[in-house]
Amino acid sequence: MAPETPAQGPTPRYFTWDEVAQRSGREKERWLVIDRKVYNISEFVRRHPGGSRVISHYAGQDATDPFVAFHINKGLVRKYMNSLLIGELSPEQPSFEPTKNKELTHEFRELRATVERMGLMKANPVFFLLYLLHILLLDVAAWLTLWFFGTSWVPFLLCSVLLSIVQAQAGWLQHDFGHLSVFGTSKWNHLVHHFVIGHLKGAPASWWNHMHFQHHAKPNCFRKDPDINMHPFFFALGKVLSVELGKQKKKYMPYNYQHKYFFLIGPPALLPVYFQWYIFYFVIKRKKWVDLAWMITFYVRIFLTYVPLLGLKGFLGLFFMVRFLESNWFVWVTQMNHIPMHIDHDRNMDWVSTQLQATCNVHKSAFNDWFSGHLNFQIEHHLFPTMPRHNYHKVAPLVQSLCAKHGIKYQSKPLFSAFADIVHSLKESGQLWLDAYLHQ
């Protein structure tokens, strides 16, 4: 009798990069590649815990490095990915597209492995506990200022400043939990994130996740990074997009004056005029009732705390004063690392190049670290978004060495130079728009 042949499993389907690139979502179908495996995410995008848009931004592309960067429990996530697997890249296909730097990508992945071996992805719980305590103490001090010294202008303004510090610092702290960089499990990070952003700040965690993860996935990429959605209706951003807008003869605003009206509709207005109302629209439209409940606890607490001291009108004055001061702080810090950098359409570059061309650092100091919530290490934060912030300065020399080896510009500047560069870049891009509008 002839020997029995062993049963063979199904033959894997092989794909080329051209086939993957055609499934970028423009024709509804969406594929992406992780570690040479091809996944069909067309239906999954609606169920993706990180949001439908952030994963869709990598449709038609290799997503290996962002997958590693954003997930802290990759083994668990891969179990859910098995149902999405449809095949793999053909053996003759490279591991990623030709638009990406092969050597740089390999060396960054080695750097990532080194960082993990060094324990730099693990948080020091004492750091974050003390950080939370200093916020809570300042919150109590703000109320005690009015209770003890009365409600005249001086204690009123001092209370406003203290509450603004509380709101800004709570903003940086919720950022840590939102990035899953404190606890070892997503569950605990999400729970405390709800408390900090919802109860301490009155904002929805789902809104922050929806916006911020897109920014990290494709920073400064037009129509993929929501942080630059003010182009073109309010500002003409970046050298490429500004010229493009001018050639199209589009003029929603007098962009050649944008470096001046930025001081009116930028820092002072973003939080009190736009965000304050939009967050309620967001949670109600998307039926995020858990977020709404957390937000209500903030408004009930602050209302019951300050109305007995100030009355309703005084309370409203205090509240919008705090939002005004916080807005100026928030905008200058968050925009100093990105607005002066390269802004363009998505060119499907490798992870390191995508992040480095869109980010810059501000010099380390005790004040700069505290004032910016360690976002002065924006480069390291973007390369390793789940890394706890107290380790940024440890990995920075390794990142600088990698950049130097590959001829990538690693920018770090003084704090006030970074602020000034926002205005200078707006003036430059506004002039580029005007030249293109008039002469091209």
Protein backbone atom coordinates (compact mmCIF):
# COMPACT_ATOMS: atom_id res chain seq x y z
CA MET A 1 0.00 0.00 0.00
CA ALA A 2 1.23 3.50 -0.77
CA PRO A 3 2.14 5.54 2.33
CA GLU A 4 -0.41 8.15 3.37
CA THR A 5 0.56 11.74 2.57
CA PRO A 6 0.17 14.18 5.48
CA ALA A 7 -2.77 16.56 5.25
CA GLN A 8 -1.71 19.96 3.96
CA GLY A 9 -3.03 23.23 5.35
CA PRO A 10 -4.56 25.84 3.09
CA THR A 11 -2.07 27.48 0.78
CA PRO A 12 -1.45 31.08 1.92
CA ARG A 13 -2.54 33.83 -0.42
CA TYR A 14 0.25 36.08 -1.62
CA PHE A 15 -0.07 39.76 -2.47
CA THR A 16 2.10 42.51 -3.93
CA TRP A 17 2.50 46.03 -2.60
CA ASP A 18 0.58 47.34 -5.62
CA GLU A 19 -2.41 45.21 -4.64
CA VAL A 20 -2.22 46.45 -1.05
CA ALA A 21 -1.86 50.10 -2.12
CA GLN A 22 -5.05 49.85 -4.16
CA ARG A 23 -6.98 49.02 -0.97
CA SER A 24 -6.46 52.39 0.70
CA GLY A 25 -10.13 53.02 1.36
CA ARG A 26 -10.95 55.10 -1.68
CA GLU A 27 -12.99 52.19 -3.06
CA LYS A 28 -14.34 51.17 0.37
CA GLU A 29 -11.96 48.21 0.77
CA ARG A 30 -9.10 48.71 3.21
CA TRP A 31 -6.04 46.51 3.68
CA LEU A 32 -2.85 47.06 5.65
CA VAL A 33 0.35 45.14 6.35
CA ILE A 34 1.92 44.25 9.71
CA ASP A 35 5.09 42.13 9.79
CA ARG A 36 4.47 41.11 6.16
CA LYS A 37 1.00 39.80 7.02
CA VAL A 38 -1.90 41.33 5.04
CA TYR A 39 -5.07 42.21 6.96
CA ASN A 40 -8.46 43.24 5.62
CA ILE A 41 -9.72 45.94 7.99
CA SER A 42 -12.67 47.10 5.86
CA GLU A 43 -15.29 46.07 8.44
CA PHE A 44 -13.06 46.18 11.51
CA VAL A 45 -12.41 49.93 11.31
CA ARG A 46 -15.79 50.63 12.92
CA ARG A 47 -14.91 48.42 15.89
CA HIS A 48 -11.28 49.47 16.29
CA PRO A 49 -10.84 50.55 19.96
CA GLY A 50 -8.48 53.35 18.95
CA GLY A 51 -10.99 54.78 16.49
CA SER A 52 -11.84 54.17 12.86
CA ARG A 53 -9.81 57.01 11.41
CA VAL A 54 -6.45 56.30 13.01
CA ILE A 55 -6.30 52.78 11.58
CA SER A 56 -7.75 53.92 8.25
CA HIS A 57 -4.89 56.41 7.86
CA TYR A 58 -2.60 53.40 7.26
CA ALA A 59 -4.91 51.63 4.82
CA GLY A 60 -2.90 50.55 1.76
CA GLN A 61 0.37 50.87 3.68
CA ASP A 62 2.73 49.02 6.00
CA ALA A 63 1.62 49.67 9.60
CA THR A 64 4.18 47.59 11.50
CA ASP A 65 5.89 50.43 13.35
CA PRO A 66 2.74 52.33 14.38
CA PHE A 67 1.20 49.03 15.49
CA VAL A 68 4.17 48.42 17.79
CA ALA A 69 4.23 52.05 18.94
CA PHE A 70 0.56 52.32 19.96
CA HIS A 71 -0.20 48.96 21.61
CA ILE A 72 1.13 47.91 25.02
CA ASN A 73 -0.29 44.36 24.96
CA LYS A 74 0.56 43.20 21.47
CA GLY A 75 -0.01 39.50 22.19
CA LEU A 76 -3.63 40.11 23.14
CA VAL A 77 -4.20 42.39 20.14
CA ARG A 78 -2.75 39.83 17.71
CA LYS A 79 -5.37 37.28 18.82
CA TYR A 80 -8.10 39.60 17.61
CA MET A 81 -6.20 40.20 14.38
CA ASN A 82 -6.28 36.55 13.31
CA SER A 83 -9.82 36.88 11.97
CA LEU A 84 -8.70 39.78 9.75
CA LEU A 85 -5.73 37.96 8.21
CA ILE A 86 -6.17 37.29 4.49
CA GLY A 87 -2.61 36.44 3.41
CA GLU A 88 0.91 37.77 3.28
CA LEU A 89 3.33 39.53 1.01
CA SER A 90 4.82 37.46 -1.77
CA PRO A 91 8.33 36.20 -0.94
CA GLU A 92 9.88 38.42 -3.61
CA GLN A 93 8.23 41.55 -2.18
CA PRO A 94 10.25 43.80 0.16
CA SER A 95 9.06 44.11 3.75
CA PHE A 96 7.85 47.67 3.18
CA GLU A 97 7.29 50.13 0.39
CA PRO A 98 10.14 51.73 -1.60
CA THR A 99 9.18 55.18 -0.22
CA LYS A 100 10.55 54.11 3.16
CA ASN A 101 14.16 54.06 4.33
CA LYS A 102 15.03 50.38 4.82
CA GLU A 103 18.24 50.83 6.82
CA LEU A 104 16.76 53.55 9.04
CA THR A 105 13.70 51.42 9.77
CA HIS A 106 15.76 48.37 10.71
CA GLU A 107 18.01 50.40 13.00
CA PHE A 108 15.06 52.09 14.68
CA ARG A 109 13.51 48.70 15.39
CA GLU A 110 16.79 47.62 16.98
CA LEU A 111 16.74 50.84 19.02
CA ARG A 112 13.21 50.08 20.13
CA ALA A 113 14.29 46.62 21.31
CA THR A 114 17.21 48.20 23.20
CA VAL A 115 14.88 50.72 24.85
CA GLU A 116 12.59 47.93 26.01
CA ARG A 117 15.52 45.91 27.40
CA MET A 118 16.64 49.01 29.33
CA GLY A 119 13.22 49.18 30.98
CA LEU A 120 12.48 52.66 29.60
CA MET A 121 8.91 51.69 28.67
CA LYS A 122 8.06 51.04 32.33
CA ALA A 123 6.65 53.84 34.46
CA ASN A 124 7.69 54.97 37.91
CA PRO A 125 4.35 55.11 39.79
CA VAL A 126 5.76 57.48 42.43
CA PHE A 127 6.41 60.12 39.75
CA PHE A 128 2.81 60.12 38.56
CA LEU A 129 1.39 59.91 42.09
CA LEU A 130 3.33 63.01 43.14
CA TYR A 131 2.33 64.75 39.94
CA LEU A 132 -1.35 64.08 40.65
CA LEU A 133 -0.96 65.23 44.26
CA HIS A 134 0.58 68.54 43.25
CA ILE A 135 -2.43 69.15 40.98
CA LEU A 136 -4.92 68.33 43.75
CA LEU A 137 -3.06 70.53 46.25
CA LEU A 138 -3.12 73.49 43.86
CA ASP A 139 -6.83 72.90 43.30
CA VAL A 140 -7.47 73.12 47.05
CA ALA A 141 -5.17 76.15 47.35
CA ALA A 142 -7.21 77.99 44.71
CA TRP A 143 -10.41 77.58 46.73
CA LEU A 144 -8.69 78.43 50.03
CA THR A 145 -7.42 81.67 48.48
CA LEU A 146 -10.98 82.93 48.01
CA TRP A 147 -12.29 81.46 51.25
CA PHE A 148 -9.52 82.99 53.38
CA PHE A 149 -8.72 86.29 51.61
CA GLY A 150 -12.16 87.12 50.22
CA THR A 151 -13.34 87.77 46.67
CA SER A 152 -11.68 91.10 45.85
CA TRP A 153 -9.66 91.42 42.66
CA VAL A 154 -6.30 90.28 43.99
CA PRO A 155 -7.45 86.94 45.49
CA PHE A 156 -9.80 86.49 42.50
CA LEU A 157 -6.89 86.79 40.04
CA LEU A 158 -4.64 84.61 42.20
CA CYS A 159 -7.36 81.95 42.31
CA SER A 160 -7.70 82.20 38.51
CA VAL A 161 -3.96 81.65 38.04
CA LEU A 162 -3.91 78.67 40.41
CA LEU A 163 -6.90 77.06 38.70
CA SER A 164 -5.29 77.67 35.29
CA ILE A 165 -2.19 75.83 36.48
CA VAL A 166 -4.42 73.00 37.70
CA GLN A 167 -6.18 72.75 34.35
CA ALA A 168 -2.99 72.91 32.29
CA GLN A 169 -1.14 70.38 34.42
CA ALA A 170 -4.16 68.07 34.51
CA GLY A 171 -4.13 68.33 30.72
CA TRP A 172 -0.55 67.09 30.59
CA LEU A 173 -1.35 64.31 33.10
CA GLN A 174 -4.40 63.04 31.22
CA HIS A 175 -2.16 62.92 28.16
CA ASP A 176 0.01 60.34 29.98
CA PHE A 177 -2.93 58.08 30.81
CA GLY A 178 -4.43 58.51 27.35
CA HIS A 179 -1.20 57.22 25.85
CA LEU A 180 -1.27 54.14 28.14
CA SER A 181 2.12 55.14 29.53
CA VAL A 182 1.46 54.81 33.28
CA PHE A 183 -0.07 51.41 34.03
CA GLY A 184 0.82 48.08 32.48
CA THR A 185 -2.75 47.40 31.33
CA SER A 186 -5.02 49.40 29.06
CA LYS A 187 -7.94 48.98 31.47
CA TRP A 188 -6.32 50.91 34.33
CA ASN A 189 -4.92 53.60 32.04
CA HIS A 190 -8.38 54.17 30.55
CA LEU A 191 -10.06 54.26 33.96
CA VAL A 192 -7.74 56.90 35.42
CA HIS A 193 -7.79 58.76 32.12
CA HIS A 194 -11.57 59.17 32.54
CA PHE A 195 -11.03 60.54 36.04
CA VAL A 196 -8.33 63.06 35.12
CA ILE A 197 -9.75 64.39 31.85
CA GLY A 198 -13.40 63.97 32.86
CA HIS A 199 -13.56 64.86 36.56
CA LEU A 200 -10.57 67.20 36.82
CA LYS A 201 -10.99 68.95 33.44
CA GLY A 202 -14.57 68.39 32.26
CA ALA A 203 -13.65 66.94 28.86
CA PRO A 204 -14.42 63.57 27.22
CA ALA A 205 -11.75 60.87 26.97
CA SER A 206 -13.28 59.53 23.75
CA TRP A 207 -12.92 62.93 22.06
CA TRP A 208 -9.27 63.16 23.08
CA ASN A 209 -8.56 59.63 21.83
CA HIS A 210 -10.37 60.30 18.56
CA MET A 211 -8.33 63.43 17.86
CA HIS A 212 -4.95 62.75 19.38
CA PHE A 213 -4.20 59.27 18.06
CA GLN A 214 -4.78 60.52 14.53
CA HIS A 215 -2.25 63.27 15.18
CA HIS A 216 0.34 60.73 16.30
CA ALA A 217 -0.33 58.34 13.44
CA LYS A 218 0.25 60.95 10.74
CA PRO A 219 1.55 64.21 12.27
CA ASN A 220 1.30 67.29 10.06
CA CYS A 221 -0.31 65.26 7.24
CA PHE A 222 -3.13 67.22 5.65
CA ARG A 223 -6.56 65.55 6.03
CA LYS A 224 -5.10 62.94 8.39
CA ASP A 225 -3.84 65.04 11.32
CA PRO A 226 -6.81 66.91 12.88
CA ASP A 227 -4.40 69.29 14.64
CA ILE A 228 -3.87 71.09 11.33
CA ASN A 229 -7.55 71.24 10.38
CA MET A 230 -7.32 75.04 10.66
CA HIS A 231 -5.82 74.86 7.15
CA PRO A 232 -7.18 76.30 4.91
CA PHE A 233 -10.22 77.97 6.54
CA PHE A 234 -8.29 79.96 9.14
CA PHE A 235 -4.59 79.61 8.32
CA ALA A 236 -2.36 78.66 5.40
CA LEU A 237 0.08 76.19 6.93
CA GLY A 238 3.42 74.94 5.70
CA LYS A 239 5.38 75.82 2.62
CA VAL A 240 3.88 73.12 0.39
CA LEU A 241 0.22 73.56 1.27
CA SER A 242 0.39 77.36 1.25
CA VAL A 243 1.77 77.49 -2.28
CA GLU A 244 -0.75 74.89 -3.37
CA LEU A 245 -3.56 77.00 -1.94
CA GLY A 246 -2.27 80.12 -3.68
CA LYS A 247 -2.04 78.38 -7.04
CA GLN A 248 -5.66 77.28 -6.63
CA LYS A 249 -6.59 80.95 -6.07
CA LYS A 250 -8.30 80.13 -2.78
CA LYS A 251 -8.62 82.79 -0.11
CA TYR A 252 -10.74 82.02 2.95
CA MET A 253 -8.77 84.51 5.06
CA PRO A 254 -6.13 87.20 4.40
CA TYR A 255 -3.35 84.70 5.10
CA ASN A 256 -0.59 87.26 4.61
CA TYR A 257 -1.78 88.74 7.93
CA GLN A 258 -2.23 85.41 9.71
CA HIS A 259 0.82 85.94 11.92
CA LYS A 260 -1.08 88.92 13.35
CA TYR A 261 -4.62 87.58 13.70
CA PHE A 262 -3.17 84.39 15.22
CA PHE A 263 -2.96 86.38 18.47
CA LEU A 264 -6.74 86.96 18.34
CA ILE A 265 -8.22 83.66 17.15
CA GLY A 266 -5.45 81.29 18.21
CA PRO A 267 -4.17 81.14 21.81
CA PRO A 268 -6.94 83.15 23.53
CA ALA A 269 -9.91 81.62 21.72
CA LEU A 270 -9.34 77.91 21.12
CA LEU A 271 -10.53 76.56 24.47
CA PRO A 272 -13.19 79.07 25.62
CA VAL A 273 -14.70 79.75 22.18
CA TYR A 274 -14.39 76.42 20.39
CA PHE A 275 -13.43 73.43 22.55
CA GLN A 276 -15.69 74.39 25.46
CA TRP A 277 -18.79 73.95 23.32
CA TYR A 278 -17.62 71.35 20.82
CA ILE A 279 -16.90 68.68 23.46
CA PHE A 280 -20.59 68.63 24.46
CA TYR A 281 -21.65 68.39 20.83
CA PHE A 282 -19.19 65.50 20.38
CA VAL A 283 -20.37 63.37 23.31
CA ILE A 284 -24.08 63.91 22.64
CA LYS A 285 -23.85 63.27 18.89
CA ARG A 286 -21.81 60.07 19.43
CA LYS A 287 -23.82 59.04 22.51
CA LYS A 288 -20.78 58.82 24.77
CA TRP A 289 -22.82 58.78 27.95
CA VAL A 290 -20.01 57.55 30.22
CA ASP A 291 -17.88 60.49 29.15
CA LEU A 292 -20.79 62.86 29.68
CA ALA A 293 -21.31 61.52 33.20
CA TRP A 294 -17.66 62.12 34.09
CA MET A 295 -17.86 65.64 32.64
CA ILE A 296 -20.96 66.44 34.67
CA THR A 297 -19.11 65.53 37.88
CA PHE A 298 -16.56 68.23 37.05
CA TYR A 299 -19.16 70.92 36.43
CA VAL A 300 -21.20 69.99 39.51
CA ARG A 301 -18.09 70.03 41.69
CA ILE A 302 -16.76 73.37 40.48
CA PHE A 303 -20.24 74.93 40.57
CA LEU A 304 -20.91 73.86 44.15
CA THR A 305 -17.40 74.89 45.19
CA TYR A 306 -17.32 78.44 43.82
CA VAL A 307 -20.91 79.71 43.45
CA PRO A 308 -21.37 80.03 47.26
CA LEU A 309 -18.29 82.26 47.34
CA LEU A 310 -18.69 84.27 44.14
CA GLY A 311 -22.33 84.04 43.11
CA LEU A 312 -23.35 82.90 39.62
CA LYS A 313 -21.91 85.89 37.71
CA GLY A 314 -18.64 85.77 39.62
CA PHE A 315 -18.39 82.04 39.05
CA LEU A 316 -18.90 82.41 35.29
CA GLY A 317 -16.28 85.17 35.23
CA LEU A 318 -13.82 82.93 37.06
CA PHE A 319 -14.55 79.94 34.85
CA PHE A 320 -13.97 81.74 31.55
CA MET A 321 -10.94 83.56 32.93
CA VAL A 322 -9.43 80.17 33.73
CA ARG A 323 -10.30 78.79 30.28
CA PHE A 324 -8.77 81.91 28.68
CA LEU A 325 -5.48 81.56 30.58
CA GLU A 326 -5.36 77.81 30.04
CA SER A 327 -6.03 78.25 26.32
CA ASN A 328 -3.03 80.55 25.88
CA TRP A 329 -0.81 78.10 27.75
CA PHE A 330 -2.12 75.09 25.83
CA VAL A 331 -1.87 76.56 22.33
CA TRP A 332 1.65 77.96 22.64
CA VAL A 333 3.01 74.70 24.08
CA THR A 334 1.24 72.31 21.70
CA GLN A 335 1.94 74.32 18.56
CA MET A 336 5.61 75.17 19.19
CA ASN A 337 6.69 71.63 18.23
CA HIS A 338 4.62 71.25 15.05
CA ILE A 339 3.47 74.42 13.26
CA PRO A 340 7.03 75.53 12.33
CA MET A 341 7.82 72.04 10.97
CA HIS A 342 7.14 70.40 7.60
CA ILE A 343 3.43 70.16 6.74
CA ASP A 344 2.32 68.23 3.67
CA HIS A 345 0.06 65.54 2.29
CA ASP A 346 0.77 61.97 3.38
CA ARG A 347 3.83 60.76 1.43
CA ASN A 348 3.84 57.31 3.09
CA MET A 349 7.30 57.68 4.59
CA ASP A 350 8.82 55.42 7.23
CA TRP A 351 7.89 55.89 10.90
CA VAL A 352 11.06 57.75 11.93
CA SER A 353 11.04 60.15 8.97
CA THR A 354 7.31 60.82 9.38
CA GLN A 355 7.76 61.79 13.02
CA LEU A 356 11.07 63.71 12.74
CA GLN A 357 9.99 65.96 9.89
CA ALA A 358 6.90 67.00 11.87
CA THR A 359 8.36 67.48 15.35
CA CYS A 360 11.06 69.38 17.21
CA ASN A 361 12.22 69.63 20.82
CA VAL A 362 12.64 72.44 23.32
CA HIS A 363 15.71 72.39 25.56
CA LYS A 364 15.47 70.45 28.79
CA SER A 365 15.20 72.32 32.09
CA ALA A 366 13.21 71.75 35.26
CA PHE A 367 10.86 74.59 34.31
CA ASN A 368 10.48 73.60 30.65
CA ASP A 369 9.75 69.99 31.64
CA TRP A 370 7.06 71.07 34.10
CA PHE A 371 5.61 73.89 32.00
CA SER A 372 5.17 71.69 28.92
CA GLY A 373 4.37 68.41 30.65
CA HIS A 374 7.60 67.05 29.12
CA LEU A 375 6.25 67.79 25.65
CA ASN A 376 9.49 69.67 25.13
CA PHE A 377 10.72 66.14 24.28
CA GLN A 378 8.25 65.96 21.41
CA ILE A 379 10.59 63.92 19.18
CA GLU A 380 11.01 61.13 21.70
CA HIS A 381 7.33 61.25 22.59
CA HIS A 382 6.31 60.79 18.96
CA LEU A 383 8.75 57.96 18.33
CA PHE A 384 7.72 56.16 21.54
CA PRO A 385 4.19 57.40 22.37
CA THR A 386 3.63 54.87 25.20
CA MET A 387 6.93 55.68 26.93
CA PRO A 388 6.47 57.33 30.37
CA ARG A 389 7.56 60.93 30.13
CA HIS A 390 10.19 60.77 32.88
CA ASN A 391 12.31 58.56 30.59
CA TYR A 392 12.37 60.84 27.52
CA HIS A 393 15.67 62.44 28.50
CA LYS A 394 17.25 58.99 28.84
CA VAL A 395 16.39 57.88 25.32
CA ALA A 396 17.12 61.28 23.71
CA PRO A 397 20.89 60.66 23.22
CA LEU A 398 20.15 57.37 21.46
CA VAL A 399 17.68 59.09 19.13
CA GLN A 400 20.18 61.86 18.43
CA SER A 401 22.81 59.29 17.46
CA LEU A 402 20.38 57.57 15.10
CA CYS A 403 19.49 60.89 13.47
CA ALA A 404 23.14 61.91 13.11
CA LYS A 405 24.02 58.60 11.46
CA HIS A 406 21.27 58.97 8.86
CA GLY A 407 21.61 62.71 8.27
CA ILE A 408 18.22 63.55 9.80
CA LYS A 409 17.92 66.97 11.40
CA TYR A 410 17.23 66.73 15.15
CA GLN A 411 15.96 70.14 16.21
CA SER A 412 16.03 71.44 19.78
CA LYS A 413 15.63 75.11 20.66
CA PRO A 414 15.03 77.47 23.61
CA LEU A 415 11.44 77.85 24.82
CA PHE A 416 10.88 81.43 23.66
CA SER A 417 12.58 80.74 20.34
CA ALA A 418 10.08 77.92 19.84
CA PHE A 419 7.22 80.33 20.57
CA ALA A 420 8.63 82.92 18.15
CA ASP A 421 9.03 80.30 15.43
CA ILE A 422 5.25 79.76 15.42
CA VAL A 423 4.74 83.38 14.40
CA HIS A 424 7.68 83.40 11.98
CA SER A 425 6.43 80.27 10.21
CA LEU A 426 2.92 81.71 9.89
CA LYS A 427 4.34 84.88 8.41
CA GLU A 428 6.49 82.91 5.95
CA SER A 429 3.70 80.59 4.80
CA GLY A 430 1.31 83.54 4.50
CA GLN A 431 3.76 85.31 2.21
CA LEU A 432 4.27 82.14 0.16
CA TRP A 433 0.51 81.91 -0.29
CA LEU A 434 0.28 85.55 -1.39
CA ASP A 435 3.11 85.18 -3.92
CA ALA A 436 1.53 82.07 -5.40
CA TYR A 437 -1.92 83.65 -5.37
CA LEU A 438 -0.76 86.74 -7.26
CA HIS A 439 1.89 85.36 -9.60
CA GLN A 440 1.40 81.62 -10.23
